[in-house]
Amino acid sequence: MRFITGLVALSLSAPAFAAPKKEIREAFDDMTEQLSRFDAGAFTWIADDAVMITNVTDWFGNSRAVEGNGAQWKAKADDIMIVAQEQRDFSTYKDIRIKPHEGGYLLTAVRSHQGKCYEDPSYSVYWEKNDLDAWRIKKMTMTSQAWSACPDAPSRAAQLARSISLLVSPSLPIVLDEQSTLTSITSEGETLTYLITMGPEALEGLDQERFRKGISMISTDSVCREDASRQVLIEGGVVVHIYQDANGQMVAQVNVTEADCKAAAERIPEPVIEPETPVEEPEAPAEEPETEPEP
């Protein structure tokens, strides 16, 4: 009798599990299809409070876990898709399995990364229903390698330069100050080029030779201090600042390399710290002896 009861219970519970699994698989397939088209709408499957964990391995083999939430991923969705499309950064999935987990369902798979030539066997996505009875991702875990491991991949400097130009370009033009505006940022191979347009007041009565010398120091300092541009230099690339007037006439061009940053650092003198001089307290005036008033 117990055996028959167990079979009945199993037969009743199987359809209950089958329906959610089918729904989650359909949702997952919709999301991955959107990702393959680099459609930022794929991020709507992620709940705002979802826990997003990426185990990142950098170029030098160092690994670290980067944790964020769904709202942060959604805010960067457009930028992520721009870079992903440029780098053929999409994935395919195999060995997909779905099982009940806590209050929802856990989907696991082997993720094959097409643009970076590696497989991620740690991929997992936890799904739960929200208040509107719709399945949403509440936790995602994956592994990512930095840039490309493919044999025909561009150099690191070239990939960095391209990524920076792709991420910044949608925000252009960017006003730098009252008389200068960043109007273009492009990459060609390992060279990242910023085009800066100067206002007429900044160029009025300009001594071009003096301007070139001054702007060379300013541009070098700016590039060497900015993390993303400096990484291009460290990887062997070049960062170029081109200054032009409102008519597109070039006023100056500054090419910055890692050697320029090192030379500039050597020219900066160490601050001299003067020893503190103790401050002497003024002596209190001597008290005059009290005298009796004369009669």
C-alpha atoms as a PDB file:
ATOM      1  CA  MET A   1       0.000   0.000   0.000  1.00  0.00           C
ATOM      2  CA  ARG A   2       2.794   2.417   0.871  1.00  0.00           C
ATOM      3  CA  PHE A   3       4.469   1.666  -2.450  1.00  0.00           C
ATOM      4  CA  ILE A   4       1.250   2.443  -4.354  1.00  0.00           C
ATOM      5  CA  THR A   5       0.729   5.640  -2.324  1.00  0.00           C
ATOM      6  CA  GLY A   6       4.266   6.738  -3.185  1.00  0.00           C
ATOM      7  CA  LEU A   7       3.664   6.130  -6.876  1.00  0.00           C
ATOM      8  CA  VAL A   8       0.470   8.168  -6.757  1.00  0.00           C
ATOM      9  CA  ALA A   9       2.243  11.024  -4.976  1.00  0.00           C
ATOM     10  CA  LEU A  10       5.067  10.918  -7.501  1.00  0.00           C
ATOM     11  CA  SER A  11       2.681  10.933 -10.445  1.00  0.00           C
ATOM     12  CA  LEU A  12       0.858  13.947  -9.018  1.00  0.00           C
ATOM     13  CA  SER A  13       4.021  15.903  -8.218  1.00  0.00           C
ATOM     14  CA  ALA A  14       5.788  15.320 -11.552  1.00  0.00           C
ATOM     15  CA  PRO A  15       3.446  17.579 -13.585  1.00  0.00           C
ATOM     16  CA  ALA A  16       3.713  20.238 -10.866  1.00  0.00           C
ATOM     17  CA  PHE A  17       7.501  20.313 -11.329  1.00  0.00           C
ATOM     18  CA  ALA A  18       7.331  19.918 -15.099  1.00  0.00           C
ATOM     19  CA  ALA A  19       5.318  23.093 -15.698  1.00  0.00           C
ATOM     20  CA  PRO A  20       7.708  25.486 -13.900  1.00  0.00           C
ATOM     21  CA  LYS A  21      10.729  23.823 -15.499  1.00  0.00           C
ATOM     22  CA  LYS A  22       9.197  24.326 -18.934  1.00  0.00           C
ATOM     23  CA  GLU A  23       8.410  27.973 -18.173  1.00  0.00           C
ATOM     24  CA  ILE A  24      11.928  28.636 -16.880  1.00  0.00           C
ATOM     25  CA  ARG A  25      13.516  26.958 -19.884  1.00  0.00           C
ATOM     26  CA  GLU A  26      11.398  29.109 -22.211  1.00  0.00           C
ATOM     27  CA  ALA A  27      12.341  32.245 -20.262  1.00  0.00           C
ATOM     28  CA  PHE A  28      16.011  31.288 -20.345  1.00  0.00           C
ATOM     29  CA  ASP A  29      15.863  30.617 -24.099  1.00  0.00           C
ATOM     30  CA  ASP A  30      14.211  34.008 -24.674  1.00  0.00           C
ATOM     31  CA  MET A  31      16.892  35.751 -22.620  1.00  0.00           C
ATOM     32  CA  THR A  32      19.813  34.035 -24.362  1.00  0.00           C
ATOM     33  CA  GLU A  33      18.273  34.741 -27.764  1.00  0.00           C
ATOM     34  CA  GLN A  34      18.115  38.437 -26.872  1.00  0.00           C
ATOM     35  CA  LEU A  35      21.722  38.336 -25.682  1.00  0.00           C
ATOM     36  CA  SER A  36      22.822  36.760 -28.959  1.00  0.00           C
ATOM     37  CA  ARG A  37      21.345  39.816 -30.724  1.00  0.00           C
ATOM     38  CA  PHE A  38      23.033  42.134 -28.190  1.00  0.00           C
ATOM     39  CA  ASP A  39      19.607  43.364 -27.098  1.00  0.00           C
ATOM     40  CA  ALA A  40      19.748  45.141 -23.736  1.00  0.00           C
ATOM     41  CA  GLY A  41      16.152  44.021 -23.172  1.00  0.00           C
ATOM     42  CA  ALA A  42      17.589  40.692 -21.997  1.00  0.00           C
ATOM     43  CA  PHE A  43      18.403  42.371 -18.677  1.00  0.00           C
ATOM     44  CA  THR A  44      14.675  42.765 -17.870  1.00  0.00           C
ATOM     45  CA  TRP A  45      14.705  39.088 -16.816  1.00  0.00           C
ATOM     46  CA  ILE A  46      16.917  40.084 -13.876  1.00  0.00           C
ATOM     47  CA  ALA A  47      15.283  41.267 -10.650  1.00  0.00           C
ATOM     48  CA  ASP A  48      16.579  44.570  -9.304  1.00  0.00           C
ATOM     49  CA  ASP A  49      17.656  42.922  -6.046  1.00  0.00           C
ATOM     50  CA  ALA A  50      19.261  39.920  -7.754  1.00  0.00           C
ATOM     51  CA  VAL A  51      22.732  38.911  -6.561  1.00  0.00           C
ATOM     52  CA  MET A  52      25.120  38.886  -9.543  1.00  0.00           C
ATOM     53  CA  ILE A  53      28.484  37.192  -8.931  1.00  0.00           C
ATOM     54  CA  THR A  54      31.243  37.086 -11.548  1.00  0.00           C
ATOM     55  CA  ASN A  55      34.469  35.222 -10.828  1.00  0.00           C
ATOM     56  CA  VAL A  56      36.945  37.209 -12.916  1.00  0.00           C
ATOM     57  CA  THR A  57      40.368  35.995 -14.028  1.00  0.00           C
ATOM     58  CA  ASP A  58      42.567  38.807 -15.350  1.00  0.00           C
ATOM     59  CA  TRP A  59      45.351  38.722 -17.946  1.00  0.00           C
ATOM     60  CA  PHE A  60      47.906  37.759 -15.321  1.00  0.00           C
ATOM     61  CA  GLY A  61      45.980  34.788 -13.934  1.00  0.00           C
ATOM     62  CA  ASN A  62      44.738  36.590 -10.818  1.00  0.00           C
ATOM     63  CA  SER A  63      41.193  35.667  -9.788  1.00  0.00           C
ATOM     64  CA  ARG A  64      38.655  37.598  -7.740  1.00  0.00           C
ATOM     65  CA  ALA A  65      34.905  37.587  -7.204  1.00  0.00           C
ATOM     66  CA  VAL A  66      32.971  40.693  -8.267  1.00  0.00           C
ATOM     67  CA  GLU A  67      29.507  41.033  -6.747  1.00  0.00           C
ATOM     68  CA  GLY A  68      26.767  43.432  -7.813  1.00  0.00           C
ATOM     69  CA  ASN A  69      22.985  43.575  -7.964  1.00  0.00           C
ATOM     70  CA  GLY A  70      20.454  43.441 -10.755  1.00  0.00           C
ATOM     71  CA  ALA A  71      19.767  47.176 -10.722  1.00  0.00           C
ATOM     72  CA  GLN A  72      23.475  47.913 -11.286  1.00  0.00           C
ATOM     73  CA  TRP A  73      23.619  45.512 -14.230  1.00  0.00           C
ATOM     74  CA  LYS A  74      20.494  47.061 -15.772  1.00  0.00           C
ATOM     75  CA  ALA A  75      21.940  50.560 -15.457  1.00  0.00           C
ATOM     76  CA  LYS A  76      24.969  49.451 -17.494  1.00  0.00           C
ATOM     77  CA  ALA A  77      23.051  47.242 -19.945  1.00  0.00           C
ATOM     78  CA  ASP A  78      23.473  49.496 -22.995  1.00  0.00           C
ATOM     79  CA  ASP A  79      27.223  49.922 -22.424  1.00  0.00           C
ATOM     80  CA  ILE A  80      27.680  46.200 -21.850  1.00  0.00           C
ATOM     81  CA  MET A  81      25.920  45.360 -25.120  1.00  0.00           C
ATOM     82  CA  ILE A  82      27.994  47.893 -27.115  1.00  0.00           C
ATOM     83  CA  VAL A  83      31.265  46.337 -25.976  1.00  0.00           C
ATOM     84  CA  ALA A  84      29.894  42.794 -26.262  1.00  0.00           C
ATOM     85  CA  GLN A  85      28.888  43.322 -29.893  1.00  0.00           C
ATOM     86  CA  GLU A  86      32.278  44.739 -30.814  1.00  0.00           C
ATOM     87  CA  GLN A  87      34.125  41.819 -29.223  1.00  0.00           C
ATOM     88  CA  ARG A  88      31.805  39.047 -30.464  1.00  0.00           C
ATOM     89  CA  ASP A  89      31.080  38.562 -26.786  1.00  0.00           C
ATOM     90  CA  PHE A  90      28.171  36.122 -26.744  1.00  0.00           C
ATOM     91  CA  SER A  91      27.704  32.655 -25.301  1.00  0.00           C
ATOM     92  CA  THR A  92      26.081  29.344 -26.101  1.00  0.00           C
ATOM     93  CA  TYR A  93      24.888  26.841 -23.509  1.00  0.00           C
ATOM     94  CA  LYS A  94      24.853  23.064 -23.217  1.00  0.00           C
ATOM     95  CA  ASP A  95      24.077  20.444 -20.537  1.00  0.00           C
ATOM     96  CA  ILE A  96      21.224  22.638 -19.283  1.00  0.00           C
ATOM     97  CA  ARG A  97      19.596  21.280 -16.143  1.00  0.00           C
ATOM     98  CA  ILE A  98      16.787  22.676 -13.998  1.00  0.00           C
ATOM     99  CA  LYS A  99      15.884  21.490 -10.510  1.00  0.00           C
ATOM    100  CA  PRO A 100      13.876  22.761  -7.520  1.00  0.00           C
ATOM    101  CA  HIS A 101      16.000  24.864  -5.190  1.00  0.00           C
ATOM    102  CA  GLU A 102      14.894  26.673  -2.035  1.00  0.00           C
ATOM    103  CA  GLY A 103      11.708  28.565  -3.030  1.00  0.00           C
ATOM    104  CA  GLY A 104      12.404  28.514  -6.758  1.00  0.00           C
ATOM    105  CA  TYR A 105      14.433  26.678  -9.385  1.00  0.00           C
ATOM    106  CA  LEU A 106      18.131  26.482 -10.168  1.00  0.00           C
ATOM    107  CA  LEU A 107      19.307  26.316 -13.782  1.00  0.00           C
ATOM    108  CA  THR A 108      22.879  25.131 -14.382  1.00  0.00           C
ATOM    109  CA  ALA A 109      24.749  24.865 -17.687  1.00  0.00           C
ATOM    110  CA  VAL A 110      28.143  24.820 -19.341  1.00  0.00           C
ATOM    111  CA  ARG A 111      28.583  28.235 -20.940  1.00  0.00           C
ATOM    112  CA  SER A 112      30.793  28.391 -24.043  1.00  0.00           C
ATOM    113  CA  HIS A 113      32.117  31.880 -24.659  1.00  0.00           C
ATOM    114  CA  GLN A 114      32.464  32.456 -28.397  1.00  0.00           C
ATOM    115  CA  GLY A 115      34.445  35.699 -28.409  1.00  0.00           C
ATOM    116  CA  LYS A 116      36.940  34.726 -25.742  1.00  0.00           C
ATOM    117  CA  CYS A 117      37.460  31.041 -26.532  1.00  0.00           C
ATOM    118  CA  TYR A 118      36.785  29.435 -23.150  1.00  0.00           C
ATOM    119  CA  GLU A 119      34.130  27.383 -21.339  1.00  0.00           C
ATOM    120  CA  ASP A 120      32.516  28.190 -18.018  1.00  0.00           C
ATOM    121  CA  PRO A 121      31.203  25.070 -16.218  1.00  0.00           C
ATOM    122  CA  SER A 122      30.248  27.096 -13.112  1.00  0.00           C
ATOM    123  CA  TYR A 123      27.325  28.953 -14.742  1.00  0.00           C
ATOM    124  CA  SER A 124      24.153  28.913 -12.633  1.00  0.00           C
ATOM    125  CA  VAL A 125      20.949  30.958 -12.519  1.00  0.00           C
ATOM    126  CA  TYR A 126      18.425  30.895  -9.672  1.00  0.00           C
ATOM    127  CA  TRP A 127      14.836  31.779 -10.650  1.00  0.00           C
ATOM    128  CA  GLU A 128      11.886  32.827  -8.489  1.00  0.00           C
ATOM    129  CA  LYS A 129       8.466  34.229  -9.254  1.00  0.00           C
ATOM    130  CA  ASN A 130       7.905  37.904  -8.457  1.00  0.00           C
ATOM    131  CA  ASP A 131       4.752  39.610  -7.145  1.00  0.00           C
ATOM    132  CA  LEU A 132       3.321  39.633 -10.672  1.00  0.00           C
ATOM    133  CA  ASP A 133       3.711  35.831 -10.925  1.00  0.00           C
ATOM    134  CA  ALA A 134       6.500  36.200 -13.503  1.00  0.00           C
ATOM    135  CA  TRP A 135       9.778  34.288 -13.375  1.00  0.00           C
ATOM    136  CA  ARG A 136      12.785  36.485 -12.673  1.00  0.00           C
ATOM    137  CA  ILE A 137      16.462  35.835 -11.964  1.00  0.00           C
ATOM    138  CA  LYS A 138      17.325  36.277  -8.293  1.00  0.00           C
ATOM    139  CA  LYS A 139      20.934  35.089  -8.424  1.00  0.00           C
ATOM    140  CA  MET A 140      23.466  34.467 -11.186  1.00  0.00           C
ATOM    141  CA  THR A 141      26.987  33.077 -10.890  1.00  0.00           C
ATOM    142  CA  MET A 142      29.474  32.867 -13.737  1.00  0.00           C
ATOM    143  CA  THR A 143      33.187  32.883 -14.527  1.00  0.00           C
ATOM    144  CA  SER A 144      34.759  35.381 -16.907  1.00  0.00           C
ATOM    145  CA  GLN A 145      38.215  35.728 -18.407  1.00  0.00           C
ATOM    146  CA  ALA A 146      39.653  39.118 -19.206  1.00  0.00           C
ATOM    147  CA  TRP A 147      39.456  40.022 -22.881  1.00  0.00           C
ATOM    148  CA  SER A 148      40.171  37.284 -25.380  1.00  0.00           C
ATOM    149  CA  ALA A 149      42.010  33.996 -25.151  1.00  0.00           C
ATOM    150  CA  CYS A 150      41.553  33.349 -28.881  1.00  0.00           C
ATOM    151  CA  PRO A 151      44.735  32.867 -30.945  1.00  0.00           C
ATOM    152  CA  ASP A 152      43.772  35.586 -33.456  1.00  0.00           C
ATOM    153  CA  ALA A 153      42.693  38.150 -30.865  1.00  0.00           C
ATOM    154  CA  PRO A 154      43.975  41.758 -31.103  1.00  0.00           C
ATOM    155  CA  SER A 155      46.606  42.897 -28.612  1.00  0.00           C
ATOM    156  CA  ARG A 156      45.521  43.965 -25.156  1.00  0.00           C
ATOM    157  CA  ALA A 157      46.303  47.601 -25.920  1.00  0.00           C
ATOM    158  CA  ALA A 158      44.150  47.474 -29.060  1.00  0.00           C
ATOM    159  CA  GLN A 159      41.250  45.856 -27.208  1.00  0.00           C
ATOM    160  CA  LEU A 160      41.448  48.387 -24.384  1.00  0.00           C
ATOM    161  CA  ALA A 161      41.583  51.337 -26.783  1.00  0.00           C
ATOM    162  CA  ARG A 162      38.584  50.037 -28.704  1.00  0.00           C
ATOM    163  CA  SER A 163      36.560  49.400 -25.555  1.00  0.00           C
ATOM    164  CA  ILE A 164      37.231  52.884 -24.172  1.00  0.00           C
ATOM    165  CA  SER A 165      36.196  54.546 -27.420  1.00  0.00           C
ATOM    166  CA  LEU A 166      33.003  52.474 -27.583  1.00  0.00           C
ATOM    167  CA  LEU A 167      32.036  53.246 -23.977  1.00  0.00           C
ATOM    168  CA  VAL A 168      32.734  56.988 -24.095  1.00  0.00           C
ATOM    169  CA  SER A 169      31.438  57.810 -27.606  1.00  0.00           C
ATOM    170  CA  PRO A 170      27.696  57.630 -26.745  1.00  0.00           C
ATOM    171  CA  SER A 171      28.221  60.400 -24.143  1.00  0.00           C
ATOM    172  CA  LEU A 172      29.855  62.862 -26.562  1.00  0.00           C
ATOM    173  CA  PRO A 173      30.205  65.786 -26.749  1.00  0.00           C
ATOM    174  CA  ILE A 174      31.592  66.271 -23.238  1.00  0.00           C
ATOM    175  CA  VAL A 175      32.304  69.811 -22.030  1.00  0.00           C
ATOM    176  CA  LEU A 176      35.701  69.810 -20.308  1.00  0.00           C
ATOM    177  CA  ASP A 177      35.718  73.478 -19.310  1.00  0.00           C
ATOM    178  CA  GLU A 178      34.454  76.855 -20.576  1.00  0.00           C
ATOM    179  CA  GLN A 179      36.739  76.800 -23.620  1.00  0.00           C
ATOM    180  CA  SER A 180      37.244  73.121 -24.510  1.00  0.00           C
ATOM    181  CA  THR A 181      34.942  70.243 -25.482  1.00  0.00           C
ATOM    182  CA  LEU A 182      35.759  66.592 -26.129  1.00  0.00           C
ATOM    183  CA  THR A 183      34.057  66.027 -29.490  1.00  0.00           C
ATOM    184  CA  SER A 184      35.432  62.661 -30.612  1.00  0.00           C
ATOM    185  CA  ILE A 185      37.212  59.585 -29.304  1.00  0.00           C
ATOM    186  CA  THR A 186      38.398  56.890 -31.701  1.00  0.00           C
ATOM    187  CA  SER A 187      40.759  53.956 -31.778  1.00  0.00           C
ATOM    188  CA  GLU A 188      42.909  52.520 -34.524  1.00  0.00           C
ATOM    189  CA  GLY A 189      44.994  49.517 -33.565  1.00  0.00           C
ATOM    190  CA  GLU A 190      46.843  50.341 -30.350  1.00  0.00           C
ATOM    191  CA  THR A 191      46.237  54.115 -30.631  1.00  0.00           C
ATOM    192  CA  LEU A 192      43.458  55.867 -28.709  1.00  0.00           C
ATOM    193  CA  THR A 193      42.749  59.396 -30.000  1.00  0.00           C
ATOM    194  CA  TYR A 194      40.851  62.186 -28.242  1.00  0.00           C
ATOM    195  CA  LEU A 195      39.734  65.169 -30.375  1.00  0.00           C
ATOM    196  CA  ILE A 196      39.278  68.352 -28.348  1.00  0.00           C
ATOM    197  CA  THR A 197      37.685  71.482 -29.836  1.00  0.00           C
ATOM    198  CA  MET A 198      38.832  74.816 -28.390  1.00  0.00           C
ATOM    199  CA  GLY A 199      36.605  77.870 -28.068  1.00  0.00           C
ATOM    200  CA  PRO A 200      37.504  81.127 -29.860  1.00  0.00           C
ATOM    201  CA  GLU A 201      38.393  82.986 -26.669  1.00  0.00           C
ATOM    202  CA  ALA A 202      41.002  80.383 -25.754  1.00  0.00           C
ATOM    203  CA  LEU A 203      42.698  80.799 -29.144  1.00  0.00           C
ATOM    204  CA  GLU A 204      42.459  84.584 -29.493  1.00  0.00           C
ATOM    205  CA  GLY A 205      45.946  86.103 -29.824  1.00  0.00           C
ATOM    206  CA  LEU A 206      47.445  82.686 -29.151  1.00  0.00           C
ATOM    207  CA  ASP A 207      51.199  82.127 -29.204  1.00  0.00           C
ATOM    208  CA  GLN A 208      51.027  78.672 -30.763  1.00  0.00           C
ATOM    209  CA  GLU A 209      54.530  77.597 -29.804  1.00  0.00           C
ATOM    210  CA  ARG A 210      53.975  78.523 -26.180  1.00  0.00           C
ATOM    211  CA  PHE A 211      50.553  76.840 -26.274  1.00  0.00           C
ATOM    212  CA  ARG A 212      52.010  73.599 -27.648  1.00  0.00           C
ATOM    213  CA  LYS A 213      54.602  73.410 -24.884  1.00  0.00           C
ATOM    214  CA  GLY A 214      52.043  74.077 -22.155  1.00  0.00           C
ATOM    215  CA  ILE A 215      49.377  71.770 -23.525  1.00  0.00           C
ATOM    216  CA  SER A 216      51.911  68.986 -23.943  1.00  0.00           C
ATOM    217  CA  MET A 217      52.558  68.961 -20.196  1.00  0.00           C
ATOM    218  CA  ILE A 218      48.840  69.218 -19.387  1.00  0.00           C
ATOM    219  CA  SER A 219      47.863  66.374 -21.726  1.00  0.00           C
ATOM    220  CA  THR A 220      50.656  64.113 -20.525  1.00  0.00           C
ATOM    221  CA  ASP A 221      49.691  64.690 -16.907  1.00  0.00           C
ATOM    222  CA  SER A 222      46.007  64.052 -17.681  1.00  0.00           C
ATOM    223  CA  VAL A 223      46.624  60.791 -19.566  1.00  0.00           C
ATOM    224  CA  CYS A 224      49.119  59.451 -17.027  1.00  0.00           C
ATOM    225  CA  ARG A 225      46.750  60.076 -14.125  1.00  0.00           C
ATOM    226  CA  GLU A 226      43.627  58.582 -15.758  1.00  0.00           C
ATOM    227  CA  ASP A 227      43.418  54.846 -15.032  1.00  0.00           C
ATOM    228  CA  ALA A 228      41.861  53.599 -18.286  1.00  0.00           C
ATOM    229  CA  SER A 229      44.135  55.603 -20.599  1.00  0.00           C
ATOM    230  CA  ARG A 230      47.192  54.723 -18.535  1.00  0.00           C
ATOM    231  CA  GLN A 231      46.393  51.019 -18.905  1.00  0.00           C
ATOM    232  CA  VAL A 232      46.514  51.444 -22.697  1.00  0.00           C
ATOM    233  CA  LEU A 233      50.017  52.882 -22.298  1.00  0.00           C
ATOM    234  CA  ILE A 234      51.153  50.151 -19.927  1.00  0.00           C
ATOM    235  CA  GLU A 235      50.102  47.561 -22.513  1.00  0.00           C
ATOM    236  CA  GLY A 236      52.244  49.297 -25.158  1.00  0.00           C
ATOM    237  CA  GLY A 237      49.665  51.595 -26.758  1.00  0.00           C
ATOM    238  CA  VAL A 238      49.651  55.321 -27.484  1.00  0.00           C
ATOM    239  CA  VAL A 239      47.133  57.963 -26.387  1.00  0.00           C
ATOM    240  CA  VAL A 240      46.825  61.031 -28.621  1.00  0.00           C
ATOM    241  CA  HIS A 241      45.248  64.396 -27.783  1.00  0.00           C
ATOM    242  CA  ILE A 242      44.437  66.525 -30.832  1.00  0.00           C
ATOM    243  CA  TYR A 243      43.388  70.150 -30.261  1.00  0.00           C
ATOM    244  CA  GLN A 244      41.500  71.959 -33.018  1.00  0.00           C
ATOM    245  CA  ASP A 245      39.620  75.228 -33.493  1.00  0.00           C
ATOM    246  CA  ALA A 246      35.909  75.517 -34.278  1.00  0.00           C
ATOM    247  CA  ASN A 247      36.647  75.186 -38.009  1.00  0.00           C
ATOM    248  CA  GLY A 248      38.463  71.872 -37.594  1.00  0.00           C
ATOM    249  CA  GLN A 249      41.935  73.363 -38.028  1.00  0.00           C
ATOM    250  CA  MET A 250      44.472  71.521 -35.888  1.00  0.00           C
ATOM    251  CA  VAL A 251      46.173  73.680 -33.282  1.00  0.00           C
ATOM    252  CA  ALA A 252      48.294  71.050 -31.508  1.00  0.00           C
ATOM    253  CA  GLN A 253      48.806  67.302 -31.205  1.00  0.00           C
ATOM    254  CA  VAL A 254      50.238  65.490 -28.196  1.00  0.00           C
ATOM    255  CA  ASN A 255      51.247  61.817 -28.370  1.00  0.00           C
ATOM    256  CA  VAL A 256      51.677  60.168 -24.958  1.00  0.00           C
ATOM    257  CA  THR A 257      53.445  56.868 -24.256  1.00  0.00           C
ATOM    258  CA  GLU A 258      54.313  55.034 -21.068  1.00  0.00           C
ATOM    259  CA  ALA A 259      57.868  56.374 -21.376  1.00  0.00           C
ATOM    260  CA  ASP A 260      56.448  59.937 -21.226  1.00  0.00           C
ATOM    261  CA  CYS A 261      54.630  59.125 -17.996  1.00  0.00           C
ATOM    262  CA  LYS A 262      57.780  57.743 -16.409  1.00  0.00           C
ATOM    263  CA  ALA A 263      59.820  60.745 -17.563  1.00  0.00           C
ATOM    264  CA  ALA A 264      57.192  63.139 -16.209  1.00  0.00           C
ATOM    265  CA  ALA A 265      57.202  61.361 -12.857  1.00  0.00           C
ATOM    266  CA  GLU A 266      60.970  61.730 -12.617  1.00  0.00           C
ATOM    267  CA  ARG A 267      60.734  65.459 -13.278  1.00  0.00           C
ATOM    268  CA  ILE A 268      58.340  66.050 -10.407  1.00  0.00           C
ATOM    269  CA  PRO A 269      60.414  66.981  -7.333  1.00  0.00           C
ATOM    270  CA  GLU A 270      59.610  65.403  -4.026  1.00  0.00           C
ATOM    271  CA  PRO A 271      57.929  67.868  -1.699  1.00  0.00           C
ATOM    272  CA  VAL A 272      60.336  69.317   0.855  1.00  0.00           C
ATOM    273  CA  ILE A 273      58.931  69.129   4.354  1.00  0.00           C
ATOM    274  CA  GLU A 274      60.399  71.792   6.578  1.00  0.00           C
ATOM    275  CA  PRO A 275      60.932  70.764  10.203  1.00  0.00           C
ATOM    276  CA  GLU A 276      58.473  72.346  12.542  1.00  0.00           C
ATOM    277  CA  THR A 277      59.896  75.204  14.577  1.00  0.00           C
ATOM    278  CA  PRO A 278      58.732  75.078  18.170  1.00  0.00           C
ATOM    279  CA  VAL A 279      56.702  78.103  19.113  1.00  0.00           C
ATOM    280  CA  GLU A 280      57.960  79.767  22.247  1.00  0.00           C
ATOM    281  CA  GLU A 281      55.343  80.924  24.647  1.00  0.00           C
ATOM    282  CA  PRO A 282      55.798  84.622  25.555  1.00  0.00           C
ATOM    283  CA  GLU A 283      56.947  85.177  29.102  1.00  0.00           C
ATOM    284  CA  ALA A 284      54.400  86.616  31.427  1.00  0.00           C
ATOM    285  CA  PRO A 285      55.300  90.156  32.593  1.00  0.00           C
ATOM    286  CA  ALA A 286      56.777  90.321  36.095  1.00  0.00           C
ATOM    287  CA  GLU A 287      54.250  91.350  38.703  1.00  0.00           C
ATOM    288  CA  GLU A 288      55.043  94.654  40.423  1.00  0.00           C
ATOM    289  CA  PRO A 289      55.088  94.512  44.201  1.00  0.00           C
ATOM    290  CA  GLU A 290      52.050  95.977  45.802  1.00  0.00           C
ATOM    291  CA  THR A 291      52.726  99.252  47.614  1.00  0.00           C
ATOM    292  CA  GLU A 292      50.706 100.927  50.329  1.00  0.00           C
ATOM    293  CA  PRO A 293      49.051 104.142  49.172  1.00  0.00           C
ATOM    294  CA  GLU A 294      50.705 107.262  50.562  1.00  0.00           C
ATOM    295  CA  PRO A 295      48.760 109.071  53.244  1.00  0.00           C
END
